[in-house]
PDB file of N, CA and C in Angstrom:
ATOM      1  N   MET A   1     177.690 -20.488 463.029  1.00  0.00           N
ATOM      2  CA  MET A   1     177.514 -21.463 461.999  1.00  0.00           C
ATOM      3  C   MET A   1     176.045 -21.856 461.963  1.00  0.00           C
ATOM      4  N   HIS A   2     175.525 -21.976 460.761  1.00  0.00           N
ATOM      5  CA  HIS A   2     174.138 -22.385 460.573  1.00  0.00           C
ATOM      6  C   HIS A   2     174.087 -23.842 460.163  1.00  0.00           C
ATOM      7  N   HIS A   3     173.245 -24.575 460.845  1.00  0.00           N
ATOM      8  CA  HIS A   3     172.971 -25.951 460.451  1.00  0.00           C
ATOM      9  C   HIS A   3     171.554 -25.962 459.902  1.00  0.00           C
ATOM     10  N   LEU A   4     171.460 -26.024 458.597  1.00  0.00           N
ATOM     11  CA  LEU A   4     170.153 -25.994 457.967  1.00  0.00           C
ATOM     12  C   LEU A   4     169.633 -27.420 457.837  1.00  0.00           C
ATOM     13  N   ASP A   5     168.636 -27.738 458.654  1.00  0.00           N
ATOM     14  CA  ASP A   5     168.081 -29.083 458.599  1.00  0.00           C
ATOM     15  C   ASP A   5     166.917 -29.189 457.628  1.00  0.00           C
ATOM     16  N   SER A   6     166.551 -28.061 457.020  1.00  0.00           N
ATOM     17  CA  SER A   6     165.527 -28.084 455.979  1.00  0.00           C
ATOM     18  C   SER A   6     165.750 -26.889 455.052  1.00  0.00           C
ATOM     19  N   ALA A   7     165.313 -27.039 453.827  1.00  0.00           N
ATOM     20  CA  ALA A   7     165.523 -26.002 452.812  1.00  0.00           C
ATOM     21  C   ALA A   7     164.736 -24.729 453.096  1.00  0.00           C
ATOM     22  N   ASP A   8     163.695 -24.816 453.901  1.00  0.00           N
ATOM     23  CA  ASP A   8     162.889 -23.623 454.160  1.00  0.00           C
ATOM     24  C   ASP A   8     163.631 -22.566 454.977  1.00  0.00           C
ATOM     25  N   LYS A   9     164.770 -22.911 455.541  1.00  0.00           N
ATOM     26  CA  LYS A   9     165.564 -21.937 456.298  1.00  0.00           C
ATOM     27  C   LYS A   9     166.557 -21.175 455.414  1.00  0.00           C
ATOM     28  N   ILE A  10     166.718 -21.618 454.187  1.00  0.00           N
ATOM     29  CA  ILE A  10     167.681 -20.986 453.275  1.00  0.00           C
ATOM     30  C   ILE A  10     167.408 -19.491 453.073  1.00  0.00           C
ATOM     31  N   PRO A  11     166.157 -19.072 452.823  1.00  0.00           N
ATOM     32  CA  PRO A  11     165.918 -17.646 452.575  1.00  0.00           C
ATOM     33  C   PRO A  11     166.316 -16.728 453.732  1.00  0.00           C
ATOM     34  N   ASP A  12     166.298 -17.234 454.952  1.00  0.00           N
ATOM     35  CA  ASP A  12     166.682 -16.416 456.105  1.00  0.00           C
ATOM     36  C   ASP A  12     168.178 -16.423 456.366  1.00  0.00           C
ATOM     37  N   ALA A  13     168.837 -17.542 456.085  1.00  0.00           N
ATOM     38  CA  ALA A  13     170.258 -17.663 456.420  1.00  0.00           C
ATOM     39  C   ALA A  13     171.186 -17.189 455.313  1.00  0.00           C
ATOM     40  N   GLU A  14     170.868 -17.492 454.088  1.00  0.00           N
ATOM     41  CA  GLU A  14     171.802 -17.232 452.994  1.00  0.00           C
ATOM     42  C   GLU A  14     172.122 -15.765 452.739  1.00  0.00           C
ATOM     43  N   PRO A  15     171.166 -14.829 452.839  1.00  0.00           N
ATOM     44  CA  PRO A  15     171.570 -13.425 452.635  1.00  0.00           C
ATOM     45  C   PRO A  15     172.663 -12.982 453.613  1.00  0.00           C
ATOM     46  N   GLY A  16     172.641 -13.510 454.825  1.00  0.00           N
ATOM     47  CA  GLY A  16     173.681 -13.175 455.793  1.00  0.00           C
ATOM     48  C   GLY A  16     175.046 -13.708 455.380  1.00  0.00           C
ATOM     49  N   TRP A  17     175.059 -14.917 454.813  1.00  0.00           N
ATOM     50  CA  TRP A  17     176.323 -15.474 454.320  1.00  0.00           C
ATOM     51  C   TRP A  17     176.840 -14.674 453.135  1.00  0.00           C
ATOM     52  N   GLU A  18     175.942 -14.262 452.276  1.00  0.00           N
ATOM     53  CA  GLU A  18     176.345 -13.416 451.139  1.00  0.00           C
ATOM     54  C   GLU A  18     176.986 -12.129 451.653  1.00  0.00           C
ATOM     55  N   TYR A  19     176.389 -11.557 452.692  1.00  0.00           N
ATOM     56  CA  TYR A  19     176.928 -10.339 453.285  1.00  0.00           C
ATOM     57  C   TYR A  19     178.329 -10.579 453.848  1.00  0.00           C
ATOM     58  N   CYS A  20     178.511 -11.702 454.519  1.00  0.00           N
ATOM     59  CA  CYS A  20     179.836 -12.032 455.067  1.00  0.00           C
ATOM     60  C   CYS A  20     180.874 -12.146 453.953  1.00  0.00           C
ATOM     61  N   LEU A  21     180.496 -12.769 452.857  1.00  0.00           N
ATOM     62  CA  LEU A  21     181.422 -12.880 451.732  1.00  0.00           C
ATOM     63  C   LEU A  21     181.718 -11.510 451.122  1.00  0.00           C
ATOM     64  N   ASP A  22     180.704 -10.656 451.059  1.00  0.00           N
ATOM     65  CA  ASP A  22     180.920  -9.297 450.551  1.00  0.00           C
ATOM     66  C   ASP A  22     181.861  -8.511 451.472  1.00  0.00           C
ATOM     67  N   LEU A  23     181.722  -8.708 452.786  1.00  0.00           N
ATOM     68  CA  LEU A  23     182.631  -8.054 453.736  1.00  0.00           C
ATOM     69  C   LEU A  23     184.064  -8.538 453.538  1.00  0.00           C
ATOM     70  N   LEU A  24     184.221  -9.833 453.364  1.00  0.00           N
ATOM     71  CA  LEU A  24     185.547 -10.405 453.152  1.00  0.00           C
ATOM     72  C   LEU A  24     186.176  -9.855 451.868  1.00  0.00           C
ATOM     73  N   THR A  25     185.388  -9.801 450.821  1.00  0.00           N
ATOM     74  CA  THR A  25     185.874  -9.258 449.548  1.00  0.00           C
ATOM     75  C   THR A  25     186.295  -7.805 449.705  1.00  0.00           C
ATOM     76  N   ALA A  26     185.481  -7.017 450.393  1.00  0.00           N
ATOM     77  CA  ALA A  26     185.811  -5.609 450.608  1.00  0.00           C
ATOM     78  C   ALA A  26     187.106  -5.464 451.409  1.00  0.00           C
ATOM     79  N   ALA A  27     187.300  -6.329 452.386  1.00  0.00           N
ATOM     80  CA  ALA A  27     188.525  -6.273 453.194  1.00  0.00           C
ATOM     81  C   ALA A  27     189.753  -6.568 452.343  1.00  0.00           C
ATOM     82  N   PHE A  28     189.655  -7.568 451.485  1.00  0.00           N
ATOM     83  CA  PHE A  28     190.792  -7.904 450.620  1.00  0.00           C
ATOM     84  C   PHE A  28     191.043  -6.850 449.560  1.00  0.00           C
ATOM     85  N   ASP A  29     189.965  -6.287 449.023  1.00  0.00           N
ATOM     86  CA  ASP A  29     190.093  -5.303 447.944  1.00  0.00           C
ATOM     87  C   ASP A  29     190.375  -3.891 448.446  1.00  0.00           C
ATOM     88  N   GLY A  30     190.157  -3.661 449.739  1.00  0.00           N
ATOM     89  CA  GLY A  30     190.335  -2.318 450.278  1.00  0.00           C
ATOM     90  C   GLY A  30     189.213  -1.378 449.856  1.00  0.00           C
ATOM     91  N   THR A  31     188.050  -1.947 449.572  1.00  0.00           N
ATOM     92  CA  THR A  31     186.902  -1.140 449.165  1.00  0.00           C
ATOM     93  C   THR A  31     185.981  -0.921 450.358  1.00  0.00           C
ATOM     94  N   PRO A  32     185.036   0.009 450.243  1.00  0.00           N
ATOM     95  CA  PRO A  32     184.126   0.265 451.370  1.00  0.00           C
ATOM     96  C   PRO A  32     183.307  -0.968 451.735  1.00  0.00           C
ATOM     97  N   ARG A  33     182.986  -1.037 453.013  1.00  0.00           N
ATOM     98  CA  ARG A  33     182.154  -2.141 453.492  1.00  0.00           C
ATOM     99  C   ARG A  33     180.765  -2.054 452.868  1.00  0.00           C
ATOM    100  N   PRO A  34     180.206  -3.180 452.499  1.00  0.00           N
ATOM    101  CA  PRO A  34     178.857  -3.171 451.939  1.00  0.00           C
ATOM    102  C   PRO A  34     177.814  -2.913 453.029  1.00  0.00           C
ATOM    103  N   ASP A  35     176.641  -2.549 452.604  1.00  0.00           N
ATOM    104  CA  ASP A  35     175.518  -2.338 453.510  1.00  0.00           C
ATOM    105  C   ASP A  35     174.705  -3.629 453.558  1.00  0.00           C
ATOM    106  N   PHE A  36     174.361  -4.081 454.755  1.00  0.00           N
ATOM    107  CA  PHE A  36     173.594  -5.316 454.887  1.00  0.00           C
ATOM    108  C   PHE A  36     172.267  -5.232 454.138  1.00  0.00           C
ATOM    109  N   ALA A  37     171.712  -4.041 454.026  1.00  0.00           N
ATOM    110  CA  ALA A  37     170.442  -3.864 453.315  1.00  0.00           C
ATOM    111  C   ALA A  37     170.559  -4.222 451.837  1.00  0.00           C
ATOM    112  N   ASP A  38     171.783  -4.245 451.315  1.00  0.00           N
ATOM    113  CA  ASP A  38     171.962  -4.662 449.926  1.00  0.00           C
ATOM    114  C   ASP A  38     171.784  -6.172 449.766  1.00  0.00           C
ATOM    115  N   CYS A  39     171.932  -6.917 450.837  1.00  0.00           N
ATOM    116  CA  CYS A  39     171.785  -8.372 450.788  1.00  0.00           C
ATOM    117  C   CYS A  39     170.427  -8.831 451.296  1.00  0.00           C
ATOM    118  N   HIS A  40     169.989  -8.228 452.356  1.00  0.00           N
ATOM    119  CA  HIS A  40     168.728  -8.651 452.970  1.00  0.00           C
ATOM    120  C   HIS A  40     167.885  -7.426 453.183  1.00  0.00           C
ATOM    121  N   PRO A  41     166.705  -7.336 452.721  1.00  0.00           N
ATOM    122  CA  PRO A  41     165.867  -8.396 452.188  1.00  0.00           C
ATOM    123  C   PRO A  41     165.906  -8.533 450.664  1.00  0.00           C
ATOM    124  N   SER A  42     166.754  -7.786 449.999  1.00  0.00           N
ATOM    125  CA  SER A  42     166.728  -7.792 448.535  1.00  0.00           C
ATOM    126  C   SER A  42     167.037  -9.150 447.919  1.00  0.00           C
ATOM    127  N   MET A  43     167.836  -9.972 448.575  1.00  0.00           N
ATOM    128  CA  MET A  43     168.188 -11.276 448.017  1.00  0.00           C
ATOM    129  C   MET A  43     167.262 -12.400 448.481  1.00  0.00           C
ATOM    130  N   THR A  44     166.366 -12.098 449.404  1.00  0.00           N
ATOM    131  CA  THR A  44     165.487 -13.124 449.946  1.00  0.00           C
ATOM    132  C   THR A  44     164.632 -13.801 448.870  1.00  0.00           C
ATOM    133  N   PRO A  45     164.035 -13.063 447.919  1.00  0.00           N
ATOM    134  CA  PRO A  45     163.252 -13.758 446.885  1.00  0.00           C
ATOM    135  C   PRO A  45     164.082 -14.764 446.074  1.00  0.00           C
ATOM    136  N   TYR A  46     165.317 -14.422 445.777  1.00  0.00           N
ATOM    137  CA  TYR A  46     166.182 -15.343 445.039  1.00  0.00           C
ATOM    138  C   TYR A  46     166.399 -16.629 445.834  1.00  0.00           C
ATOM    139  N   PHE A  47     166.692 -16.489 447.110  1.00  0.00           N
ATOM    140  CA  PHE A  47     166.950 -17.660 447.930  1.00  0.00           C
ATOM    141  C   PHE A  47     165.670 -18.432 448.243  1.00  0.00           C
ATOM    142  N   THR A  48     164.526 -17.750 448.249  1.00  0.00           N
ATOM    143  CA  THR A  48     163.253 -18.454 448.420  1.00  0.00           C
ATOM    144  C   THR A  48     163.001 -19.350 447.209  1.00  0.00           C
ATOM    145  N   GLU A  49     163.264 -18.833 446.026  1.00  0.00           N
ATOM    146  CA  GLU A  49     163.120 -19.633 444.798  1.00  0.00           C
ATOM    147  C   GLU A  49     164.105 -20.813 444.804  1.00  0.00           C
ATOM    148  N   LEU A  50     165.329 -20.535 445.192  1.00  0.00           N
ATOM    149  CA  LEU A  50     166.345 -21.581 445.243  1.00  0.00           C
ATOM    150  C   LEU A  50     165.962 -22.669 446.239  1.00  0.00           C
ATOM    151  N   ALA A  51     165.461 -22.282 447.399  1.00  0.00           N
ATOM    152  CA  ALA A  51     165.066 -23.255 448.419  1.00  0.00           C
ATOM    153  C   ALA A  51     163.959 -24.161 447.893  1.00  0.00           C
ATOM    154  N   GLY A  52     163.072 -23.614 447.083  1.00  0.00           N
ATOM    155  CA  GLY A  52     161.986 -24.409 446.524  1.00  0.00           C
ATOM    156  C   GLY A  52     162.495 -25.542 445.655  1.00  0.00           C
ATOM    157  N   LYS A  53     163.665 -25.392 445.077  1.00  0.00           N
ATOM    158  CA  LYS A  53     164.245 -26.441 444.241  1.00  0.00           C
ATOM    159  C   LYS A  53     164.802 -27.589 445.073  1.00  0.00           C
ATOM    160  N   PHE A  54     165.023 -27.355 446.361  1.00  0.00           N
ATOM    161  CA  PHE A  54     165.604 -28.371 447.227  1.00  0.00           C
ATOM    162  C   PHE A  54     164.595 -28.990 448.190  1.00  0.00           C
ATOM    163  N   SER A  55     163.371 -28.467 448.184  1.00  0.00           N
ATOM    164  CA  SER A  55     162.395 -29.028 449.136  1.00  0.00           C
ATOM    165  C   SER A  55     161.554 -30.100 448.506  1.00  0.00           C
TER     166      SER A  55
END
């Protein structure tokens, strides 16, 4: 579990959570497991922008 005490940690933590949700979805759907590289670092710029809105 991540305890984010500041928004600047969002870009590092959130891609991993996205990956976990993608794994869960794949398990329920019976589809292939996603590749972590599809979430990180490709989603880091999005979460960096999002974190800026909360800081």
